[in-house]
């Protein structure tokens, strides 16, 4: 549940509702979050190695993906530290004096996973910008912008639902807070919106790849690889089932923390898979790390490409060299 709700009701109210002897879920929380963090690190590391080892630079989608993983790591580290203050225990068994610190760490970790989710989905959208043209590119831009707005509001509400902010951890101090049902309902809306757009992004490549003149085996492999983003949508929908914990006095919120970490971690892994397909073509070390080379028939590129080109041109001019 929301810790500020618990502090408002007092420990005595919780004693009448929650039986003693509830197990400590901290080991389960740590096992799940650290496994997700490590597996996503492996996939991301292989993605970066695959690009750099083939002489290709990291692009905007890579930078957003790395930032996303760093946020996942920060969140997991904060949850590990929060165990010292009772995170993972049932609130019945928590030390009331440690609850404000536990709340601060819990909200901070949640905010970090929200940032990770925003950046990972932005990375996937930027990847699709490189292979989309015409109206589809406008659709991808709409998805990127709207996802950032909706999830950005979600992150803001999560962190600034009380004023002054300190009231989020010390509920008895003067101030005001949003009703818990408002917070919960918006987070559910954001999770549904995110899951739906993840599904759209996962299947957008089908329209693009289906018209590409390549053999069926290569096309099928590309479709499967680029559709891995559907697992990110699954994590978004699974998180909805745990969002009720926000207003539930009898919950430890461990499931919510695990699903919150799983969403960006799984997205990092899913987005890395298409690039890793380059390992399946060891006979050509110069093969591109992208799943298909579209440059032969794409008439234009993402506006972000021009930014990179300007940077390279500026760098070459400053050294007295001309770009090849």
Foldseek 3Di string as FASTA:
>chain_A
DQLLVDLVVDLVVLPVPEDPDDDQQLVVLLVLLVVLLVVLVVLLVLLVCLQVLLPHDDAPLNVLLVLLSVLSVVLSVLSVVLVVQPQRHQPNPGDPVSQLVSNVSNLSSLLSLLSSLLSLLLSLLQVVQFQDDDVVNVVSVVLNVVLCVLSVVLSCCSQPQWPPSSCSSVVPDDTDGDDLVVNLVSLLVSLLSSLVVLQVSLQPVVVRLVPDPDDPVLSVVLNVLSNLSNVLSVLSVQLNVLSVVSPDSRDSSSSNSSSSSNNSSSSSNSSSRQLSCVVVVVVDSNDHSGSDDPVVPDPDGDPSVVVVVVVVCVVCVVVVHHDD
